[in-house]
Amino acid sequence: QLFVDKSSAEGLGRQVPESCCILTGDPLLLKPADPSCIISPTQSNSYLSTGCYDKFSFMVTENLNLVIGAVVVVAATQLLAIIFSFCLCRAVGQERDYYYKY
């Protein structure tokens, strides 16, 4: 289903947002390679038939090394935090036993 901008405050009559078009230059600027893409999107100038899930799964498989690396780094950080929290609990427990036992 196509995105239809009902407000059209700027009067562009856009059918799809710029992010759905094939972009040129810096992707953050959202500059379509074909300026008529937002008004009349086609298969050649937009991602009209590509769904979000397909695009996401393609990006994950293309960058699988980065995804695995990020997961390993996050898991290692979490494991290290758990180990430090156990050490901190143990140190606080020993200090409390020393002051309150005697």
N, C-alpha and C. Protein backbone atom coordinates (compact mmCIF):
# COMPACT_ATOMS: atom_id res chain seq x y z
N GLN A 1 0.84 -1.17 0.00
CA GLN A 1 0.00 0.00 0.00
C GLN A 1 0.89 1.24 0.00
N LEU A 2 0.53 2.21 -0.77
CA LEU A 2 1.35 3.40 -0.92
C LEU A 2 1.09 4.39 0.19
N PHE A 3 2.13 5.12 0.57
CA PHE A 3 2.01 6.21 1.51
C PHE A 3 1.43 7.41 0.76
N VAL A 4 0.38 8.01 1.29
CA VAL A 4 -0.22 9.19 0.66
C VAL A 4 -0.20 10.30 1.68
N ASP A 5 0.48 11.39 1.35
CA ASP A 5 0.57 12.54 2.23
C ASP A 5 -0.70 13.36 2.09
N LYS A 6 -1.59 13.28 3.10
CA LYS A 6 -2.86 13.99 3.03
C LYS A 6 -2.71 15.47 3.32
N SER A 7 -1.71 15.85 4.11
CA SER A 7 -1.58 17.26 4.47
C SER A 7 -1.08 18.08 3.31
N SER A 8 -0.09 17.59 2.59
CA SER A 8 0.56 18.28 1.47
C SER A 8 0.68 19.78 1.71
N ALA A 9 1.22 20.14 2.88
CA ALA A 9 1.35 21.54 3.25
C ALA A 9 2.27 22.28 2.29
N GLU A 10 3.30 21.61 1.77
CA GLU A 10 4.21 22.28 0.86
C GLU A 10 3.75 22.18 -0.58
N GLY A 11 2.66 21.47 -0.83
CA GLY A 11 2.09 21.40 -2.16
C GLY A 11 2.87 20.54 -3.14
N LEU A 12 3.62 19.56 -2.64
CA LEU A 12 4.40 18.72 -3.54
C LEU A 12 3.57 17.61 -4.16
N GLY A 13 2.45 17.27 -3.58
CA GLY A 13 1.62 16.19 -4.08
C GLY A 13 2.31 14.85 -4.03
N ARG A 14 3.07 14.62 -3.01
CA ARG A 14 3.89 13.40 -2.93
C ARG A 14 3.04 12.16 -2.72
N GLN A 15 3.48 11.08 -3.32
CA GLN A 15 2.85 9.79 -3.17
C GLN A 15 3.62 8.91 -2.19
N VAL A 16 4.94 9.10 -2.11
CA VAL A 16 5.79 8.36 -1.17
C VAL A 16 6.77 9.33 -0.54
N PRO A 17 7.26 9.04 0.67
CA PRO A 17 8.28 9.89 1.27
C PRO A 17 9.63 9.69 0.57
N GLU A 18 10.54 10.62 0.76
CA GLU A 18 11.85 10.56 0.12
C GLU A 18 12.62 9.30 0.52
N SER A 19 12.41 8.81 1.72
CA SER A 19 13.14 7.64 2.19
C SER A 19 12.78 6.38 1.41
N CYS A 20 11.65 6.37 0.71
CA CYS A 20 11.27 5.22 -0.11
C CYS A 20 11.91 5.25 -1.49
N CYS A 21 12.51 6.38 -1.85
CA CYS A 21 13.13 6.51 -3.17
C CYS A 21 14.59 6.05 -3.12
N ILE A 22 15.13 5.69 -4.27
CA ILE A 22 16.55 5.39 -4.37
C ILE A 22 17.29 6.71 -4.20
N LEU A 23 18.16 6.78 -3.21
CA LEU A 23 18.81 8.04 -2.84
C LEU A 23 20.16 8.19 -3.52
N THR A 24 20.60 9.43 -3.62
CA THR A 24 21.91 9.74 -4.16
C THR A 24 22.66 10.63 -3.16
N GLY A 25 23.96 10.53 -3.13
CA GLY A 25 24.76 11.35 -2.20
C GLY A 25 24.64 10.84 -0.78
N ASP A 26 24.65 11.77 0.17
CA ASP A 26 24.58 11.44 1.59
C ASP A 26 23.18 10.93 1.92
N PRO A 27 23.06 9.70 2.45
CA PRO A 27 21.73 9.16 2.75
C PRO A 27 20.97 9.97 3.80
N LEU A 28 21.68 10.70 4.65
CA LEU A 28 21.00 11.47 5.68
C LEU A 28 20.29 12.70 5.11
N LEU A 29 20.68 13.13 3.92
CA LEU A 29 20.04 14.29 3.30
C LEU A 29 18.74 13.94 2.60
N LEU A 30 18.48 12.65 2.37
CA LEU A 30 17.27 12.17 1.72
C LEU A 30 17.02 12.87 0.38
N LYS A 31 18.03 12.84 -0.49
CA LYS A 31 17.90 13.43 -1.82
C LYS A 31 17.71 12.31 -2.83
N PRO A 32 16.49 12.20 -3.41
CA PRO A 32 16.24 11.12 -4.38
C PRO A 32 17.08 11.26 -5.64
N ALA A 33 17.50 10.13 -6.20
CA ALA A 33 18.25 10.15 -7.46
C ALA A 33 17.37 10.65 -8.59
N ASP A 34 16.08 10.30 -8.55
CA ASP A 34 15.12 10.78 -9.53
C ASP A 34 14.16 11.73 -8.82
N PRO A 35 14.19 13.03 -9.13
CA PRO A 35 13.33 13.99 -8.41
C PRO A 35 11.84 13.70 -8.54
N SER A 36 11.42 13.02 -9.60
CA SER A 36 9.99 12.74 -9.76
C SER A 36 9.55 11.50 -8.98
N CYS A 37 10.44 10.91 -8.23
CA CYS A 37 10.13 9.69 -7.48
C CYS A 37 9.03 9.92 -6.45
N ILE A 38 9.07 11.04 -5.74
CA ILE A 38 8.07 11.27 -4.69
C ILE A 38 6.68 11.50 -5.26
N ILE A 39 6.60 11.95 -6.51
CA ILE A 39 5.31 12.20 -7.14
C ILE A 39 4.81 10.96 -7.88
N SER A 40 5.69 10.32 -8.63
CA SER A 40 5.29 9.13 -9.38
C SER A 40 6.34 8.03 -9.21
N PRO A 41 6.23 7.25 -8.11
CA PRO A 41 7.20 6.18 -7.87
C PRO A 41 7.00 5.01 -8.84
N THR A 42 8.12 4.45 -9.30
CA THR A 42 8.09 3.26 -10.14
C THR A 42 9.05 2.23 -9.56
N GLN A 43 9.11 1.06 -10.17
CA GLN A 43 10.02 0.02 -9.70
C GLN A 43 11.47 0.43 -9.89
N SER A 44 11.75 1.27 -10.90
CA SER A 44 13.13 1.62 -11.21
C SER A 44 13.67 2.77 -10.36
N ASN A 45 12.80 3.64 -9.83
CA ASN A 45 13.31 4.79 -9.08
C ASN A 45 12.99 4.73 -7.58
N SER A 46 12.35 3.65 -7.12
CA SER A 46 12.00 3.57 -5.69
C SER A 46 12.08 2.13 -5.22
N TYR A 47 11.90 1.97 -3.92
CA TYR A 47 11.85 0.64 -3.30
C TYR A 47 10.39 0.25 -3.11
N LEU A 48 9.61 0.39 -4.15
CA LEU A 48 8.17 0.21 -4.08
C LEU A 48 7.78 -1.22 -3.73
N SER A 49 8.49 -2.20 -4.23
CA SER A 49 8.10 -3.60 -4.00
C SER A 49 8.92 -4.27 -2.90
N THR A 50 9.87 -3.56 -2.32
CA THR A 50 10.72 -4.14 -1.27
C THR A 50 10.11 -3.84 0.09
N GLY A 51 9.79 -4.89 0.82
CA GLY A 51 9.22 -4.70 2.15
C GLY A 51 10.31 -4.47 3.18
N CYS A 52 9.91 -4.02 4.36
CA CYS A 52 10.87 -3.73 5.43
C CYS A 52 11.56 -5.00 5.91
N TYR A 53 10.80 -6.08 6.04
CA TYR A 53 11.40 -7.33 6.53
C TYR A 53 12.44 -7.85 5.57
N ASP A 54 12.14 -7.82 4.27
CA ASP A 54 13.11 -8.28 3.28
C ASP A 54 14.37 -7.43 3.31
N LYS A 55 14.20 -6.13 3.39
CA LYS A 55 15.34 -5.22 3.42
C LYS A 55 16.18 -5.45 4.69
N PHE A 56 15.51 -5.61 5.83
CA PHE A 56 16.22 -5.83 7.09
C PHE A 56 16.98 -7.14 7.08
N SER A 57 16.34 -8.22 6.62
CA SER A 57 17.02 -9.51 6.60
C SER A 57 18.19 -9.50 5.62
N PHE A 58 18.07 -8.77 4.52
CA PHE A 58 19.18 -8.64 3.58
C PHE A 58 20.34 -7.89 4.23
N MET A 59 20.04 -6.81 4.96
CA MET A 59 21.10 -6.04 5.62
C MET A 59 21.81 -6.88 6.68
N VAL A 60 21.05 -7.70 7.42
CA VAL A 60 21.64 -8.54 8.46
C VAL A 60 22.56 -9.59 7.84
N THR A 61 22.10 -10.23 6.76
CA THR A 61 22.94 -11.26 6.14
C THR A 61 24.17 -10.66 5.46
N GLU A 62 24.05 -9.45 4.94
CA GLU A 62 25.21 -8.80 4.33
C GLU A 62 26.24 -8.38 5.37
N ASN A 63 25.80 -8.03 6.56
CA ASN A 63 26.68 -7.55 7.62
C ASN A 63 26.70 -8.52 8.79
N LEU A 64 26.70 -9.80 8.50
CA LEU A 64 26.62 -10.81 9.55
C LEU A 64 27.80 -10.75 10.51
N ASN A 65 28.99 -10.44 10.02
CA ASN A 65 30.16 -10.34 10.90
C ASN A 65 29.99 -9.22 11.91
N LEU A 66 29.45 -8.08 11.48
CA LEU A 66 29.23 -6.97 12.40
C LEU A 66 28.15 -7.30 13.42
N VAL A 67 27.10 -7.98 12.98
CA VAL A 67 26.01 -8.36 13.89
C VAL A 67 26.53 -9.32 14.95
N ILE A 68 27.28 -10.32 14.55
CA ILE A 68 27.83 -11.29 15.50
C ILE A 68 28.80 -10.59 16.46
N GLY A 69 29.63 -9.71 15.93
CA GLY A 69 30.57 -8.96 16.78
C GLY A 69 29.85 -8.11 17.81
N ALA A 70 28.78 -7.44 17.40
CA ALA A 70 28.02 -6.59 18.32
C ALA A 70 27.36 -7.44 19.41
N VAL A 71 26.82 -8.58 19.03
CA VAL A 71 26.18 -9.47 20.02
C VAL A 71 27.21 -9.98 21.01
N VAL A 72 28.38 -10.36 20.54
CA VAL A 72 29.44 -10.86 21.43
C VAL A 72 29.91 -9.77 22.38
N VAL A 73 30.08 -8.56 21.88
CA VAL A 73 30.52 -7.45 22.74
C VAL A 73 29.48 -7.14 23.81
N VAL A 74 28.21 -7.10 23.44
CA VAL A 74 27.16 -6.83 24.42
C VAL A 74 27.08 -7.95 25.45
N ALA A 75 27.17 -9.20 25.01
CA ALA A 75 27.12 -10.33 25.94
C ALA A 75 28.31 -10.32 26.89
N ALA A 76 29.50 -10.01 26.37
CA ALA A 76 30.69 -9.96 27.23
C ALA A 76 30.58 -8.83 28.25
N THR A 77 30.06 -7.70 27.82
CA THR A 77 29.88 -6.57 28.74
C THR A 77 28.89 -6.92 29.84
N GLN A 78 27.80 -7.57 29.47
CA GLN A 78 26.80 -7.98 30.47
C GLN A 78 27.41 -8.99 31.46
N LEU A 79 28.17 -9.94 30.95
CA LEU A 79 28.80 -10.94 31.81
C LEU A 79 29.80 -10.29 32.76
N LEU A 80 30.58 -9.36 32.26
CA LEU A 80 31.53 -8.64 33.10
C LEU A 80 30.82 -7.82 34.18
N ALA A 81 29.70 -7.21 33.84
CA ALA A 81 28.93 -6.45 34.82
C ALA A 81 28.38 -7.36 35.91
N ILE A 82 27.93 -8.56 35.53
CA ILE A 82 27.43 -9.52 36.53
C ILE A 82 28.55 -9.95 37.47
N ILE A 83 29.72 -10.22 36.93
CA ILE A 83 30.87 -10.63 37.76
C ILE A 83 31.26 -9.51 38.72
N PHE A 84 31.33 -8.27 38.23
CA PHE A 84 31.66 -7.14 39.11
C PHE A 84 30.60 -6.93 40.18
N SER A 85 29.34 -7.14 39.85
CA SER A 85 28.29 -6.95 40.86
C SER A 85 28.39 -8.02 41.95
N PHE A 86 28.73 -9.26 41.58
CA PHE A 86 28.94 -10.29 42.60
C PHE A 86 30.13 -9.94 43.49
N CYS A 87 31.21 -9.45 42.89
CA CYS A 87 32.37 -9.04 43.69
C CYS A 87 32.02 -7.91 44.64
N LEU A 88 31.23 -6.96 44.18
CA LEU A 88 30.84 -5.84 45.02
C LEU A 88 29.95 -6.31 46.17
N CYS A 89 29.02 -7.19 45.89
CA CYS A 89 28.15 -7.72 46.95
C CYS A 89 28.96 -8.48 47.98
N ARG A 90 29.93 -9.24 47.51
CA ARG A 90 30.76 -10.02 48.43
C ARG A 90 31.60 -9.08 49.30
N ALA A 91 32.17 -8.03 48.69
CA ALA A 91 33.00 -7.09 49.46
C ALA A 91 32.17 -6.35 50.49
N VAL A 92 30.97 -5.94 50.14
CA VAL A 92 30.10 -5.25 51.09
C VAL A 92 29.69 -6.20 52.20
N GLY A 93 29.42 -7.44 51.87
CA GLY A 93 29.03 -8.43 52.88
C GLY A 93 30.16 -8.70 53.86
N GLN A 94 31.39 -8.80 53.38
CA GLN A 94 32.53 -9.06 54.27
C GLN A 94 32.79 -7.85 55.16
N GLU A 95 32.64 -6.67 54.63
CA GLU A 95 32.86 -5.46 55.42
C GLU A 95 31.81 -5.35 56.52
N ARG A 96 30.58 -5.67 56.20
CA ARG A 96 29.52 -5.60 57.18
C ARG A 96 29.73 -6.64 58.28
N ASP A 97 30.15 -7.85 57.90
CA ASP A 97 30.39 -8.88 58.90
C ASP A 97 31.54 -8.48 59.83
N TYR A 98 32.56 -7.81 59.31
CA TYR A 98 33.71 -7.41 60.12
C TYR A 98 33.29 -6.38 61.17
N TYR A 99 32.48 -5.41 60.77
CA TYR A 99 32.12 -4.35 61.73
C TYR A 99 31.05 -4.77 62.72
N TYR A 100 30.13 -5.62 62.34
CA TYR A 100 29.01 -5.93 63.21
C TYR A 100 29.16 -7.22 64.00
N LYS A 101 30.14 -8.05 63.69
CA LYS A 101 30.35 -9.26 64.46
C LYS A 101 31.10 -8.97 65.76
N TYR A 102 31.99 -8.02 65.71
CA TYR A 102 32.87 -7.82 66.88
C TYR A 102 32.47 -6.63 67.66
